[in-house]
Amino acid sequence: MESAIAQDATEVEQPVSAAAAEEVAEVESVVGVGTPQPIGSFRFWFAEQRWEWSDEVAAMHGYAPGEVEPTTELLLAHKHPEDRDRVAGAITKMIEDGEPFSSRHRIIDTSGYEHEVIAVADLMADDEGAIVGTLGYYIEITDIVQESPEEPLPEMYEGRETIEQAKGALMLIYGLTPDQAFRLLKWRSQETNVKLRVLAARLVTELRPLTNEIPQFRTRFDHRLLTLHERVSD
């Protein structure tokens, strides 16, 4: 089955179901709520070595919608000097090996402001199923601070332990705070209309066999995260 992330970016997004929104609100009352972070999408075609940014990703770099045509050179020029070589290496590997582009790094926008982001991606296929590129998301985590609920967590809460395990996995893989990890799970839940606790349980289940695949762990983890909704049922 073609990954959901490879669907045309112009397709109208499905509205968040009332059940999913209610479930997220319920979990937030237990886990805590932080500051929302910008999320934008990107696509890269291997053959043409062509990038496409959403308006949100362009804004993270300091540009208005359609103001610039993104290129690898422009992308690297905006990376923090301490991150640039590492990101350049990831892009080179992506092009040479046909792998998704994923990274945690810092962007310096046109005003000199620093944005810390996570890039998660999966492979993009054409209508015949041939791999033609990578499509993913920039998730900005700048200035997101951990916030704790004012009241202690209740002793019993359905699915809370599984959600905490999934948060822990995201914290380990991406180096996130608990609040950042929860918001990443919440984003996938709302975008795919899958209950957050169900999505978390699926992630925990699929994480276990990945521990034996350390050399390709990050790339495989990105794929699991972005396609979890395809393998769960209400």
C-alpha atoms as a PDB file:
ATOM      1  CA  MET A   1       0.000   0.000   0.000  1.00  0.00           C
ATOM      2  CA  GLU A   2       1.359   3.391  -0.956  1.00  0.00           C
ATOM      3  CA  SER A   3       2.257   5.453   2.081  1.00  0.00           C
ATOM      4  CA  ALA A   4      -0.282   8.085   3.027  1.00  0.00           C
ATOM      5  CA  ILE A   5       2.509  10.616   3.117  1.00  0.00           C
ATOM      6  CA  ALA A   6       3.004  10.211  -0.638  1.00  0.00           C
ATOM      7  CA  GLN A   7      -0.435  11.592  -1.437  1.00  0.00           C
ATOM      8  CA  ASP A   8      -0.640  14.790  -3.457  1.00  0.00           C
ATOM      9  CA  ALA A   9       0.031  17.745  -1.154  1.00  0.00           C
ATOM     10  CA  THR A  10      -2.758  19.650  -2.885  1.00  0.00           C
ATOM     11  CA  GLU A  11      -5.334  17.159  -1.607  1.00  0.00           C
ATOM     12  CA  VAL A  12      -7.767  18.698   0.866  1.00  0.00           C
ATOM     13  CA  GLU A  13      -6.955  17.663   4.422  1.00  0.00           C
ATOM     14  CA  GLN A  14      -9.577  15.613   6.227  1.00  0.00           C
ATOM     15  CA  PRO A  15     -11.203  17.414   9.148  1.00  0.00           C
ATOM     16  CA  VAL A  16     -10.402  16.169  12.605  1.00  0.00           C
ATOM     17  CA  SER A  17     -13.254  13.955  13.780  1.00  0.00           C
ATOM     18  CA  ALA A  18     -15.197  14.979  16.864  1.00  0.00           C
ATOM     19  CA  ALA A  19     -14.187  11.748  18.601  1.00  0.00           C
ATOM     20  CA  ALA A  20     -10.498  12.319  17.883  1.00  0.00           C
ATOM     21  CA  ALA A  21     -10.659  15.938  19.068  1.00  0.00           C
ATOM     22  CA  GLU A  22     -12.484  14.918  22.245  1.00  0.00           C
ATOM     23  CA  GLU A  23      -9.962  12.156  22.919  1.00  0.00           C
ATOM     24  CA  VAL A  24      -6.992  14.524  22.490  1.00  0.00           C
ATOM     25  CA  ALA A  25      -8.604  17.033  24.842  1.00  0.00           C
ATOM     26  CA  GLU A  26      -9.112  14.280  27.402  1.00  0.00           C
ATOM     27  CA  VAL A  27      -5.481  13.208  27.178  1.00  0.00           C
ATOM     28  CA  GLU A  28      -4.306  16.822  27.389  1.00  0.00           C
ATOM     29  CA  SER A  29      -6.171  17.177  30.677  1.00  0.00           C
ATOM     30  CA  VAL A  30      -3.969  14.412  32.059  1.00  0.00           C
ATOM     31  CA  VAL A  31      -0.651  14.863  30.247  1.00  0.00           C
ATOM     32  CA  GLY A  32      -0.605  18.668  30.060  1.00  0.00           C
ATOM     33  CA  VAL A  33      -0.757  21.262  27.317  1.00  0.00           C
ATOM     34  CA  GLY A  34       2.106  23.321  25.926  1.00  0.00           C
ATOM     35  CA  THR A  35       2.603  25.923  23.210  1.00  0.00           C
ATOM     36  CA  PRO A  36       1.599  24.827  19.680  1.00  0.00           C
ATOM     37  CA  GLN A  37       4.465  24.620  17.205  1.00  0.00           C
ATOM     38  CA  PRO A  38       4.513  25.408  13.469  1.00  0.00           C
ATOM     39  CA  ILE A  39       4.503  22.416  11.144  1.00  0.00           C
ATOM     40  CA  GLY A  40       5.195  22.562   7.405  1.00  0.00           C
ATOM     41  CA  SER A  41       5.707  20.017   4.642  1.00  0.00           C
ATOM     42  CA  PHE A  42       8.363  19.479   2.001  1.00  0.00           C
ATOM     43  CA  ARG A  43       8.952  17.233  -0.999  1.00  0.00           C
ATOM     44  CA  PHE A  44      12.146  16.314  -2.857  1.00  0.00           C
ATOM     45  CA  TRP A  45      12.360  14.570  -6.238  1.00  0.00           C
ATOM     46  CA  PHE A  46      15.471  12.403  -6.624  1.00  0.00           C
ATOM     47  CA  ALA A  47      15.812  12.561 -10.427  1.00  0.00           C
ATOM     48  CA  GLU A  48      15.417  16.334 -10.692  1.00  0.00           C
ATOM     49  CA  GLN A  49      16.933  17.076  -7.263  1.00  0.00           C
ATOM     50  CA  ARG A  50      14.061  19.511  -6.849  1.00  0.00           C
ATOM     51  CA  TRP A  51      12.633  20.748  -3.553  1.00  0.00           C
ATOM     52  CA  GLU A  52       9.131  21.947  -2.812  1.00  0.00           C
ATOM     53  CA  TRP A  53       8.292  23.805   0.409  1.00  0.00           C
ATOM     54  CA  SER A  54       4.933  24.555   1.948  1.00  0.00           C
ATOM     55  CA  ASP A  55       4.250  28.162   2.943  1.00  0.00           C
ATOM     56  CA  GLU A  56       5.013  27.202   6.567  1.00  0.00           C
ATOM     57  CA  VAL A  57       8.479  25.887   5.717  1.00  0.00           C
ATOM     58  CA  ALA A  58       9.189  28.990   3.626  1.00  0.00           C
ATOM     59  CA  ALA A  59       8.186  31.123   6.634  1.00  0.00           C
ATOM     60  CA  MET A  60      10.575  29.185   8.886  1.00  0.00           C
ATOM     61  CA  HIS A  61      13.346  30.331   6.531  1.00  0.00           C
ATOM     62  CA  GLY A  62      12.053  33.906   6.507  1.00  0.00           C
ATOM     63  CA  TYR A  63      10.360  33.978   3.100  1.00  0.00           C
ATOM     64  CA  ALA A  64       6.859  34.863   1.975  1.00  0.00           C
ATOM     65  CA  PRO A  65       4.884  32.214   0.054  1.00  0.00           C
ATOM     66  CA  GLY A  66       6.347  31.803  -3.431  1.00  0.00           C
ATOM     67  CA  GLU A  67       9.120  34.325  -2.808  1.00  0.00           C
ATOM     68  CA  VAL A  68      11.953  31.886  -3.534  1.00  0.00           C
ATOM     69  CA  GLU A  69      12.466  28.591  -5.328  1.00  0.00           C
ATOM     70  CA  PRO A  70      14.031  26.248  -2.765  1.00  0.00           C
ATOM     71  CA  THR A  71      17.281  24.546  -3.714  1.00  0.00           C
ATOM     72  CA  THR A  72      19.761  22.410  -1.828  1.00  0.00           C
ATOM     73  CA  GLU A  73      22.194  25.329  -1.816  1.00  0.00           C
ATOM     74  CA  LEU A  74      19.590  27.678  -0.339  1.00  0.00           C
ATOM     75  CA  LEU A  75      18.547  25.085   2.208  1.00  0.00           C
ATOM     76  CA  LEU A  76      22.128  24.565   3.407  1.00  0.00           C
ATOM     77  CA  ALA A  77      22.812  28.312   3.469  1.00  0.00           C
ATOM     78  CA  HIS A  78      20.114  28.662   6.143  1.00  0.00           C
ATOM     79  CA  LYS A  79      21.452  25.884   8.383  1.00  0.00           C
ATOM     80  CA  HIS A  80      23.200  26.803  11.604  1.00  0.00           C
ATOM     81  CA  PRO A  81      26.986  26.680  10.965  1.00  0.00           C
ATOM     82  CA  GLU A  82      27.379  23.949  13.577  1.00  0.00           C
ATOM     83  CA  ASP A  83      24.718  21.798  11.881  1.00  0.00           C
ATOM     84  CA  ARG A  84      25.453  22.518   8.206  1.00  0.00           C
ATOM     85  CA  ASP A  85      27.999  19.763   7.508  1.00  0.00           C
ATOM     86  CA  ARG A  86      25.857  17.120   9.204  1.00  0.00           C
ATOM     87  CA  VAL A  87      22.743  18.142   7.247  1.00  0.00           C
ATOM     88  CA  ALA A  88      24.764  18.289   4.017  1.00  0.00           C
ATOM     89  CA  GLY A  89      25.901  14.728   4.679  1.00  0.00           C
ATOM     90  CA  ALA A  90      22.310  13.599   5.261  1.00  0.00           C
ATOM     91  CA  ILE A  91      21.208  15.209   1.994  1.00  0.00           C
ATOM     92  CA  THR A  92      24.097  13.611   0.082  1.00  0.00           C
ATOM     93  CA  LYS A  93      23.168  10.213   1.488  1.00  0.00           C
ATOM     94  CA  MET A  94      19.537  10.831   0.579  1.00  0.00           C
ATOM     95  CA  ILE A  95      20.450  11.571  -3.045  1.00  0.00           C
ATOM     96  CA  GLU A  96      23.011   8.780  -3.441  1.00  0.00           C
ATOM     97  CA  ASP A  97      21.083   6.027  -1.646  1.00  0.00           C
ATOM     98  CA  GLY A  98      17.493   7.101  -2.325  1.00  0.00           C
ATOM     99  CA  GLU A  99      16.680   7.416   1.377  1.00  0.00           C
ATOM    100  CA  PRO A 100      14.277   9.799   3.153  1.00  0.00           C
ATOM    101  CA  PHE A 101      15.723  13.031   4.526  1.00  0.00           C
ATOM    102  CA  SER A 102      15.426  13.309   8.301  1.00  0.00           C
ATOM    103  CA  SER A 103      17.316  15.377  10.821  1.00  0.00           C
ATOM    104  CA  ARG A 104      17.156  17.538  13.926  1.00  0.00           C
ATOM    105  CA  HIS A 105      18.910  20.838  13.321  1.00  0.00           C
ATOM    106  CA  ARG A 106      18.699  24.618  13.464  1.00  0.00           C
ATOM    107  CA  ILE A 107      17.607  27.042  10.733  1.00  0.00           C
ATOM    108  CA  ILE A 108      18.737  30.681  10.595  1.00  0.00           C
ATOM    109  CA  ASP A 109      16.057  32.714   8.839  1.00  0.00           C
ATOM    110  CA  THR A 110      16.542  35.869   6.775  1.00  0.00           C
ATOM    111  CA  SER A 111      16.232  38.025   9.913  1.00  0.00           C
ATOM    112  CA  GLY A 112      18.888  36.049  11.762  1.00  0.00           C
ATOM    113  CA  TYR A 113      16.367  34.322  14.034  1.00  0.00           C
ATOM    114  CA  GLU A 114      17.192  30.742  15.000  1.00  0.00           C
ATOM    115  CA  HIS A 115      14.570  28.010  14.533  1.00  0.00           C
ATOM    116  CA  GLU A 116      15.123  24.532  15.939  1.00  0.00           C
ATOM    117  CA  VAL A 117      13.339  21.902  13.855  1.00  0.00           C
ATOM    118  CA  ILE A 118      12.858  18.189  13.408  1.00  0.00           C
ATOM    119  CA  ALA A 119      12.538  16.877   9.852  1.00  0.00           C
ATOM    120  CA  VAL A 120      10.691  13.560   9.555  1.00  0.00           C
ATOM    121  CA  ALA A 121      10.101  11.980   6.159  1.00  0.00           C
ATOM    122  CA  ASP A 122       9.164   8.889   4.215  1.00  0.00           C
ATOM    123  CA  LEU A 123       9.670   7.741   0.635  1.00  0.00           C
ATOM    124  CA  MET A 124       7.381   9.129  -2.076  1.00  0.00           C
ATOM    125  CA  ALA A 125       6.095   6.861  -4.850  1.00  0.00           C
ATOM    126  CA  ASP A 126       4.503   7.601  -8.220  1.00  0.00           C
ATOM    127  CA  ASP A 127       1.257   6.076  -9.507  1.00  0.00           C
ATOM    128  CA  GLU A 128       3.094   2.903 -10.584  1.00  0.00           C
ATOM    129  CA  GLY A 129       4.674   2.462  -7.154  1.00  0.00           C
ATOM    130  CA  ALA A 130       8.190   3.482  -8.199  1.00  0.00           C
ATOM    131  CA  ILE A 131      10.110   5.496  -5.594  1.00  0.00           C
ATOM    132  CA  VAL A 132      10.617   9.008  -6.957  1.00  0.00           C
ATOM    133  CA  GLY A 133      11.521  11.084  -3.923  1.00  0.00           C
ATOM    134  CA  THR A 134      10.899  11.844  -0.287  1.00  0.00           C
ATOM    135  CA  LEU A 135       8.074  13.759   1.367  1.00  0.00           C
ATOM    136  CA  GLY A 136       7.960  14.871   4.962  1.00  0.00           C
ATOM    137  CA  TYR A 137       7.467  17.562   7.546  1.00  0.00           C
ATOM    138  CA  TYR A 138       9.418  20.232   9.387  1.00  0.00           C
ATOM    139  CA  ILE A 139       8.230  20.444  12.992  1.00  0.00           C
ATOM    140  CA  GLU A 140       9.491  23.543  14.783  1.00  0.00           C
ATOM    141  CA  ILE A 141      10.329  22.988  18.447  1.00  0.00           C
ATOM    142  CA  THR A 142      11.840  26.396  19.165  1.00  0.00           C
ATOM    143  CA  ASP A 143      11.019  27.868  22.580  1.00  0.00           C
ATOM    144  CA  ILE A 144       8.698  25.022  23.525  1.00  0.00           C
ATOM    145  CA  VAL A 145       9.015  24.474  27.257  1.00  0.00           C
ATOM    146  CA  GLN A 146       7.795  21.581  29.308  1.00  0.00           C
ATOM    147  CA  GLU A 147       4.626  22.353  31.187  1.00  0.00           C
ATOM    148  CA  SER A 148       3.138  20.193  33.933  1.00  0.00           C
ATOM    149  CA  PRO A 149      -0.537  19.937  34.845  1.00  0.00           C
ATOM    150  CA  GLU A 150      -1.575  21.990  37.850  1.00  0.00           C
ATOM    151  CA  GLU A 151      -3.160  18.905  39.410  1.00  0.00           C
ATOM    152  CA  PRO A 152      -1.354  15.570  39.963  1.00  0.00           C
ATOM    153  CA  LEU A 153      -1.955  12.855  37.389  1.00  0.00           C
ATOM    154  CA  PRO A 154      -4.877  10.605  38.346  1.00  0.00           C
ATOM    155  CA  GLU A 155      -3.934   7.157  39.587  1.00  0.00           C
ATOM    156  CA  MET A 156      -5.941   5.444  36.897  1.00  0.00           C
ATOM    157  CA  TYR A 157      -6.194   6.615  33.303  1.00  0.00           C
ATOM    158  CA  GLU A 158      -6.901   4.358  30.347  1.00  0.00           C
ATOM    159  CA  GLY A 159      -3.960   4.283  27.955  1.00  0.00           C
ATOM    160  CA  ARG A 160      -1.811   6.744  29.939  1.00  0.00           C
ATOM    161  CA  GLU A 161       1.051   4.290  30.447  1.00  0.00           C
ATOM    162  CA  THR A 162       1.184   3.469  26.739  1.00  0.00           C
ATOM    163  CA  ILE A 163       1.142   7.160  25.831  1.00  0.00           C
ATOM    164  CA  GLU A 164       4.006   7.779  28.242  1.00  0.00           C
ATOM    165  CA  GLN A 165       5.962   4.919  26.632  1.00  0.00           C
ATOM    166  CA  ALA A 166       5.385   6.389  23.178  1.00  0.00           C
ATOM    167  CA  LYS A 167       6.453   9.811  24.455  1.00  0.00           C
ATOM    168  CA  GLY A 168       9.593   8.231  25.866  1.00  0.00           C
ATOM    169  CA  ALA A 169      10.416   6.696  22.488  1.00  0.00           C
ATOM    170  CA  LEU A 170      10.044  10.062  20.749  1.00  0.00           C
ATOM    171  CA  MET A 171      12.134  11.742  23.447  1.00  0.00           C
ATOM    172  CA  LEU A 172      14.876   9.151  22.878  1.00  0.00           C
ATOM    173  CA  ILE A 173      14.877   9.259  19.081  1.00  0.00           C
ATOM    174  CA  TYR A 174      14.538  13.019  18.612  1.00  0.00           C
ATOM    175  CA  GLY A 175      15.899  14.367  21.909  1.00  0.00           C
ATOM    176  CA  LEU A 176      12.610  16.024  22.841  1.00  0.00           C
ATOM    177  CA  THR A 177      11.128  17.214  26.113  1.00  0.00           C
ATOM    178  CA  PRO A 178       7.999  15.383  27.340  1.00  0.00           C
ATOM    179  CA  ASP A 179       5.779  18.233  26.125  1.00  0.00           C
ATOM    180  CA  GLN A 180       7.384  18.258  22.675  1.00  0.00           C
ATOM    181  CA  ALA A 181       6.959  14.487  22.396  1.00  0.00           C
ATOM    182  CA  PHE A 182       3.291  14.691  23.355  1.00  0.00           C
ATOM    183  CA  ARG A 183       2.633  17.403  20.792  1.00  0.00           C
ATOM    184  CA  LEU A 184       4.276  15.281  18.087  1.00  0.00           C
ATOM    185  CA  LEU A 185       1.929  12.400  18.942  1.00  0.00           C
ATOM    186  CA  LYS A 186      -1.030  14.791  19.068  1.00  0.00           C
ATOM    187  CA  TRP A 187      -0.155  16.132  15.591  1.00  0.00           C
ATOM    188  CA  ARG A 188      -0.143  12.636  14.065  1.00  0.00           C
ATOM    189  CA  SER A 189      -3.399  11.761  15.844  1.00  0.00           C
ATOM    190  CA  GLN A 190      -5.223  14.855  14.602  1.00  0.00           C
ATOM    191  CA  GLU A 191      -3.867  14.621  11.053  1.00  0.00           C
ATOM    192  CA  THR A 192      -4.829  10.964  10.653  1.00  0.00           C
ATOM    193  CA  ASN A 193      -8.028  10.936  12.745  1.00  0.00           C
ATOM    194  CA  VAL A 194      -6.743   7.998  14.789  1.00  0.00           C
ATOM    195  CA  LYS A 195      -7.210   8.070  18.548  1.00  0.00           C
ATOM    196  CA  LEU A 196      -4.047   9.188  20.275  1.00  0.00           C
ATOM    197  CA  ARG A 197      -3.904   6.242  22.669  1.00  0.00           C
ATOM    198  CA  VAL A 198      -4.413   3.779  19.786  1.00  0.00           C
ATOM    199  CA  LEU A 199      -1.661   5.442  17.762  1.00  0.00           C
ATOM    200  CA  ALA A 200       0.651   5.394  20.794  1.00  0.00           C
ATOM    201  CA  ALA A 201       0.008   1.689  21.383  1.00  0.00           C
ATOM    202  CA  ARG A 202       0.807   0.913  17.740  1.00  0.00           C
ATOM    203  CA  LEU A 203       4.055   2.882  17.945  1.00  0.00           C
ATOM    204  CA  VAL A 204       5.172   1.044  21.087  1.00  0.00           C
ATOM    205  CA  THR A 205       4.367  -2.310  19.470  1.00  0.00           C
ATOM    206  CA  GLU A 206       6.297  -1.507  16.286  1.00  0.00           C
ATOM    207  CA  LEU A 207       9.239  -0.036  18.151  1.00  0.00           C
ATOM    208  CA  ARG A 208      10.301  -3.291  19.811  1.00  0.00           C
ATOM    209  CA  PRO A 209      11.679  -5.144  16.729  1.00  0.00           C
ATOM    210  CA  LEU A 210      13.456  -1.985  15.537  1.00  0.00           C
ATOM    211  CA  THR A 211      15.947  -2.207  18.400  1.00  0.00           C
ATOM    212  CA  ASN A 212      17.744  -4.922  16.419  1.00  0.00           C
ATOM    213  CA  GLU A 213      18.201  -2.602  13.438  1.00  0.00           C
ATOM    214  CA  ILE A 214      20.356   0.136  14.990  1.00  0.00           C
ATOM    215  CA  PRO A 215      22.249   1.191  11.802  1.00  0.00           C
ATOM    216  CA  GLN A 216      18.976   2.092  10.045  1.00  0.00           C
ATOM    217  CA  PHE A 217      16.990   2.828  13.169  1.00  0.00           C
ATOM    218  CA  ARG A 218      16.220   6.521  12.568  1.00  0.00           C
ATOM    219  CA  THR A 219      15.076   6.106   8.962  1.00  0.00           C
ATOM    220  CA  ARG A 220      12.904   3.139   9.841  1.00  0.00           C
ATOM    221  CA  PHE A 221      11.503   4.977  12.862  1.00  0.00           C
ATOM    222  CA  ASP A 222      10.461   7.931  10.701  1.00  0.00           C
ATOM    223  CA  HIS A 223       8.643   5.535   8.364  1.00  0.00           C
ATOM    224  CA  ARG A 224       6.803   3.884  11.256  1.00  0.00           C
ATOM    225  CA  LEU A 225       5.788   7.246  12.765  1.00  0.00           C
ATOM    226  CA  LEU A 226       4.394   8.608   9.507  1.00  0.00           C
ATOM    227  CA  THR A 227       2.467   5.455   8.550  1.00  0.00           C
ATOM    228  CA  LEU A 228       1.122   4.252  11.928  1.00  0.00           C
ATOM    229  CA  HIS A 229      -2.436   5.206  11.033  1.00  0.00           C
ATOM    230  CA  GLU A 230      -2.437   2.693   8.170  1.00  0.00           C
ATOM    231  CA  ARG A 231      -2.037  -0.222  10.540  1.00  0.00           C
ATOM    232  CA  VAL A 232      -4.520   0.565  13.318  1.00  0.00           C
ATOM    233  CA  SER A 233      -8.238   0.043  13.611  1.00  0.00           C
ATOM    234  CA  ASP A 234     -10.743   1.766  15.862  1.00  0.00           C
END
